Protein backbone atom coordinates (compact mmCIF):
# COMPACT_ATOMS: atom_id res chain seq x y z
CA UNK A 1 -96.11 3.31 -148.65
CA UNK A 2 -96.13 5.01 -145.25
CA UNK A 3 -99.85 5.22 -144.51
CA UNK A 4 -99.71 6.44 -140.87
CA UNK A 5 -97.43 9.37 -141.75
CA UNK A 6 -99.54 10.15 -144.79
CA UNK A 7 -102.85 10.40 -142.93
CA UNK A 8 -103.54 13.56 -140.96
CA UNK A 9 -104.68 12.89 -137.36
CA UNK A 10 -108.19 14.31 -137.67
CA UNK A 11 -111.27 13.43 -135.64
CA UNK A 12 -113.91 14.50 -138.16
CA UNK A 13 -112.31 13.28 -141.39
CA UNK A 14 -110.89 9.78 -141.80
CA UNK A 15 -109.28 9.90 -145.24
CA UNK A 16 -107.46 13.26 -145.25
CA UNK A 17 -104.00 12.44 -146.51
CA UNK A 18 -100.91 13.99 -148.00
CA UNK A 19 -100.00 13.20 -151.60
CA UNK A 20 -96.32 13.83 -150.93
CA UNK A 21 -93.46 11.37 -151.19
CA UNK A 22 -94.63 9.57 -154.33
CA UNK A 23 -91.89 8.64 -156.84
CA UNK A 24 -92.15 9.64 -160.48
CA UNK A 25 -90.86 7.79 -163.51
CA UNK A 26 -88.00 10.32 -163.89
CA UNK A 27 -86.70 9.85 -160.35
CA UNK A 28 -88.32 12.77 -158.56
CA UNK A 29 -90.75 12.79 -155.62
CA UNK A 30 -94.00 14.62 -155.00
CA UNK A 31 -93.61 17.31 -152.35
CA UNK A 32 -95.03 16.85 -148.87
CA UNK A 33 -97.43 19.40 -147.38
CA UNK A 34 -98.67 20.81 -150.69
CA UNK A 35 -101.54 18.74 -152.06
CA UNK A 36 -104.02 16.66 -150.08
CA UNK A 37 -107.04 14.46 -150.78
CA UNK A 38 -109.83 13.74 -148.33
CA UNK A 39 -113.28 12.54 -147.51
CA UNK A 40 -115.96 15.08 -146.54
CA UNK A 41 -114.86 17.94 -144.27
CA UNK A 42 -118.17 19.07 -142.77
CA UNK A 43 -117.64 17.16 -139.50
CA UNK A 44 -114.23 18.62 -138.64
CA UNK A 45 -113.77 19.58 -135.00
CA UNK A 46 -112.07 22.70 -133.65
CA UNK A 47 -108.94 20.64 -133.00
CA UNK A 48 -109.07 19.43 -136.61
CA UNK A 49 -109.24 23.01 -137.85
CA UNK A 50 -106.17 23.75 -135.73
CA UNK A 51 -104.34 20.96 -137.55
CA UNK A 52 -105.30 22.51 -140.89
CA UNK A 53 -104.07 25.88 -139.63
CA UNK A 54 -100.71 24.28 -138.93
CA UNK A 55 -100.38 22.94 -142.47
CA UNK A 56 -101.39 26.37 -143.77
CA UNK A 57 -104.37 25.12 -145.79
CA UNK A 58 -105.27 27.74 -148.39
CA UNK A 59 -107.86 26.18 -150.72
CA UNK A 60 -110.60 23.55 -150.69
CA UNK A 61 -112.11 21.92 -153.78
CA UNK A 62 -115.43 20.21 -153.00
CA UNK A 63 -116.39 17.65 -155.66
CA UNK A 64 -119.68 16.61 -154.04
CA UNK A 65 -123.11 16.92 -155.63
CA UNK A 66 -125.16 20.01 -154.75
CA UNK A 67 -127.58 17.85 -152.75
CA UNK A 68 -124.70 16.58 -150.61
CA UNK A 69 -123.41 20.07 -149.84
CA UNK A 70 -126.92 21.29 -149.06
CA UNK A 71 -127.52 18.33 -146.74
CA UNK A 72 -124.41 18.68 -144.58
CA UNK A 73 -123.14 22.20 -145.13
CA UNK A 74 -119.45 23.00 -144.88
CA UNK A 75 -119.05 22.79 -141.13
CA UNK A 76 -116.43 24.85 -139.30
CA UNK A 77 -114.41 25.57 -142.43
CA UNK A 78 -117.24 27.80 -143.66
CA UNK A 79 -116.09 30.50 -141.24
CA UNK A 80 -112.38 30.07 -141.96
CA UNK A 81 -110.38 32.29 -144.38
CA UNK A 82 -109.91 29.41 -146.81
CA UNK A 83 -110.77 29.69 -150.50
CA UNK A 84 -113.65 27.35 -151.33
CA UNK A 85 -114.66 26.09 -154.75
CA UNK A 86 -117.64 23.82 -155.25
CA UNK A 87 -116.89 21.85 -158.41
CA UNK A 88 -119.36 18.95 -158.55
CA UNK A 89 -118.56 16.13 -160.92
CA UNK A 90 -122.25 15.17 -160.94
CA UNK A 91 -124.82 17.96 -161.17
CA UNK A 92 -128.01 15.95 -160.64
CA UNK A 93 -129.78 16.96 -157.45
CA UNK A 94 -131.72 13.73 -156.94
CA UNK A 95 -130.51 10.64 -155.11
CA UNK A 96 -129.76 8.73 -158.33
CA UNK A 97 -126.29 9.34 -159.78
CA UNK A 98 -127.83 9.35 -163.23
CA UNK A 99 -125.17 7.12 -164.74
CA UNK A 100 -126.21 4.89 -167.67
CA UNK A 101 -127.40 1.47 -166.44
CA UNK A 102 -124.69 -0.41 -168.33
CA UNK A 103 -121.90 1.22 -166.30
CA UNK A 104 -123.52 1.48 -162.91
CA UNK A 105 -121.74 -1.61 -161.60
CA UNK A 106 -118.40 -1.00 -163.30
CA UNK A 107 -116.36 1.47 -161.27
CA UNK A 108 -113.71 2.03 -163.94
CA UNK A 109 -116.42 2.90 -166.47
CA UNK A 110 -118.16 5.06 -163.88
CA UNK A 111 -114.93 7.00 -163.45
CA UNK A 112 -114.72 7.54 -167.20
CA UNK A 113 -118.31 8.79 -167.05
CA UNK A 114 -117.29 11.24 -164.31
CA UNK A 115 -114.71 12.64 -166.74
CA UNK A 116 -117.46 13.27 -169.28
CA UNK A 117 -120.23 14.71 -167.11
CA UNK A 118 -117.77 16.47 -164.79
CA UNK A 119 -115.47 17.72 -167.51
CA UNK A 120 -115.86 21.43 -166.72
CA UNK A 121 -115.34 20.87 -163.00
CA UNK A 122 -112.25 18.75 -163.61
CA UNK A 123 -110.82 21.40 -165.93
CA UNK A 124 -111.28 24.05 -163.26
CA UNK A 125 -109.91 21.78 -160.52
CA UNK A 126 -106.80 20.94 -162.55
CA UNK A 127 -106.34 24.63 -163.34
CA UNK A 128 -106.34 25.33 -159.59
CA UNK A 129 -103.77 22.57 -159.04
CA UNK A 130 -101.58 24.48 -161.51
CA UNK A 131 -102.06 27.80 -159.69
CA UNK A 132 -99.43 28.60 -157.01
CA UNK A 133 -101.90 30.93 -155.24
CA UNK A 134 -104.06 27.93 -154.27
CA UNK A 135 -101.52 26.10 -152.10
CA UNK A 136 -101.66 24.19 -149.84
CA UNK A 137 -104.78 22.66 -151.40
CA UNK A 138 -107.14 19.81 -150.58
CA UNK A 139 -109.79 18.26 -152.81
CA UNK A 140 -112.50 15.96 -151.51
CA UNK A 141 -115.88 14.32 -152.04
CA UNK A 142 -117.88 12.26 -149.52
CA UNK A 143 -115.72 9.17 -148.97
CA UNK A 144 -112.66 10.49 -150.79
CA UNK A 145 -112.61 7.44 -153.03
CA UNK A 146 -114.40 7.79 -156.38
CA UNK A 147 -114.65 11.42 -157.50
CA UNK A 148 -111.60 12.29 -155.42
CA UNK A 149 -109.88 9.18 -156.78
CA UNK A 150 -110.41 10.33 -160.36
CA UNK A 151 -108.93 13.78 -159.73
CA UNK A 152 -106.02 12.31 -157.75
CA UNK A 153 -105.24 9.84 -160.55
CA UNK A 154 -105.31 12.60 -163.16
CA UNK A 155 -102.97 14.83 -161.16
CA UNK A 156 -100.54 12.03 -160.32
CA UNK A 157 -100.53 10.82 -163.92
CA UNK A 158 -99.82 14.34 -165.16
CA UNK A 159 -96.87 14.43 -162.74
CA UNK A 160 -95.73 11.04 -164.10
CA UNK A 161 -95.99 9.33 -160.73
CA UNK A 162 -95.27 5.64 -161.12
CA UNK A 163 -98.37 3.74 -162.15
CA UNK A 164 -98.16 1.22 -159.31
CA UNK A 165 -98.06 4.09 -156.82
CA UNK A 166 -101.16 5.73 -158.32
CA UNK A 167 -102.95 2.41 -157.87
CA UNK A 168 -101.68 2.04 -154.30
CA UNK A 169 -102.82 5.56 -153.45
CA UNK A 170 -106.32 4.69 -154.66
CA UNK A 171 -106.43 1.43 -152.69
CA UNK A 172 -105.47 3.20 -149.44
CA UNK A 173 -109.09 4.32 -149.05
CA UNK A 174 -110.17 0.71 -148.51
CA UNK A 175 -108.54 0.81 -145.07
CA UNK A 176 -110.64 3.86 -144.15
CA UNK A 177 -114.04 2.69 -145.37
CA UNK A 178 -115.22 1.20 -142.06
CA UNK A 179 -114.74 4.55 -140.33
CA UNK A 180 -116.38 6.44 -143.18
CA UNK A 181 -119.38 4.10 -143.18
CA UNK A 182 -119.70 4.39 -139.40
CA UNK A 183 -119.97 8.17 -139.78
CA UNK A 184 -122.57 7.78 -142.52
CA UNK A 185 -124.65 5.46 -140.32
CA UNK A 186 -124.70 8.08 -137.58
CA UNK A 187 -126.35 10.70 -139.78
CA UNK A 188 -130.06 11.44 -140.04
CA UNK A 189 -131.96 9.09 -142.38
CA UNK A 190 -128.89 6.85 -142.39
CA UNK A 191 -130.82 3.64 -142.98
CA UNK A 192 -132.50 4.98 -146.10
CA UNK A 193 -129.26 6.49 -147.41
CA UNK A 194 -127.24 3.32 -146.82
CA UNK A 195 -129.89 1.20 -148.54
CA UNK A 196 -129.37 3.25 -151.72
CA UNK A 197 -125.62 2.61 -151.87
CA UNK A 198 -124.74 -0.49 -153.92
CA UNK A 199 -121.98 -2.70 -152.53
CA UNK A 200 -119.61 -2.09 -155.43
CA UNK A 201 -119.44 1.62 -154.53
CA UNK A 202 -117.89 0.68 -151.19
CA UNK A 203 -114.92 -1.09 -152.78
CA UNK A 204 -111.49 0.27 -153.67
CA UNK A 205 -109.72 -2.49 -155.54
CA UNK A 206 -106.50 -2.20 -157.51
CA UNK A 207 -108.05 -3.63 -160.68
CA UNK A 208 -110.47 -0.68 -160.83
CA UNK A 209 -107.71 1.93 -160.97
CA UNK A 210 -105.54 -0.22 -163.22
CA UNK A 211 -108.38 -0.47 -165.75
CA UNK A 212 -109.11 3.26 -165.49
CA UNK A 213 -105.46 4.13 -166.18
CA UNK A 214 -105.26 1.62 -169.03
CA UNK A 215 -108.26 3.22 -170.74
CA UNK A 216 -107.07 6.76 -170.00
CA UNK A 217 -103.80 6.07 -171.82
CA UNK A 218 -105.34 3.95 -174.58
CA UNK A 219 -108.06 6.45 -175.48
CA UNK A 220 -106.43 9.78 -174.63
CA UNK A 221 -102.67 9.24 -174.39
CA UNK A 222 -102.67 9.91 -170.65
CA UNK A 223 -104.00 12.56 -168.29
CA UNK A 224 -101.99 15.48 -169.64
CA UNK A 225 -103.27 15.01 -173.20
CA UNK A 226 -106.81 14.56 -171.92
CA UNK A 227 -106.51 17.72 -169.84
CA UNK A 228 -105.19 19.77 -172.77
CA UNK A 229 -108.00 18.54 -174.98
CA UNK A 230 -110.58 19.25 -172.28
CA UNK A 231 -109.44 22.85 -171.91
CA UNK A 232 -106.93 23.01 -169.07
CA UNK A 233 -104.46 25.79 -169.94
CA UNK A 234 -101.03 24.49 -170.90
CA UNK A 235 -99.48 27.01 -168.50
CA UNK A 236 -101.30 25.37 -165.57
CA UNK A 237 -100.12 21.91 -166.58
CA UNK A 238 -96.56 23.15 -167.11
CA UNK A 239 -96.57 24.73 -163.63
CA UNK A 240 -97.48 21.52 -161.80
CA UNK A 241 -94.00 19.92 -161.69
CA UNK A 242 -92.41 22.99 -160.13
CA UNK A 243 -95.26 23.26 -157.62
CA UNK A 244 -95.46 19.61 -156.68
CA UNK A 245 -92.19 17.83 -157.46
CA UNK A 246 -88.77 17.85 -155.82
CA UNK A 247 -85.53 16.05 -156.58
CA UNK A 248 -85.58 12.38 -155.63
């Protein structure tokens, strides 16, 4: 997997990467320059915004909690002619995620919980992924690992990207965590914020995504069936291959 080519050379975001070039089980590839995933975008510089101009960015999906958006704002992109949708997977405004205690140290279970509490936001996000008017599109949270990882896995599974590749895409964030944590430590009240983050939330291990995908297919028959049952229009799901896949 070509990580350097996949990552955009941005100063203010460390995990902004292209989801192109991934092989599917039927021999096709995901298209480059169409769909991106990222960490938070509020610290982008003017040169970063120029890079996003060059890729023609059209839409941003922000999966962060309201308290996170209120704390940092949107940065320079707020004044850009880019469609913005705030679709939080967690609606609590306090510091606590609010997840049940029994799953708070199990990332795969936490991701399943995101699918429950963030169901409406995921439905709308997937509907946007199936809308040609939204492209090129990026979705992001704070680190671009957990909430972003869930949406990325759902999209890639719907496109029938090879399972090992979905896992590898998730694990790529591990190589960016030091930079992301350095940025977090530079923010106001960093010490208090960092003290509230359990160690397991800083990890991006293959077994987490493998377990998540196992349970997604065991309990729902895969991402497409889950999405249909959750309320994503079939037309949006049917549009995704034409929007995001090319011949291998």
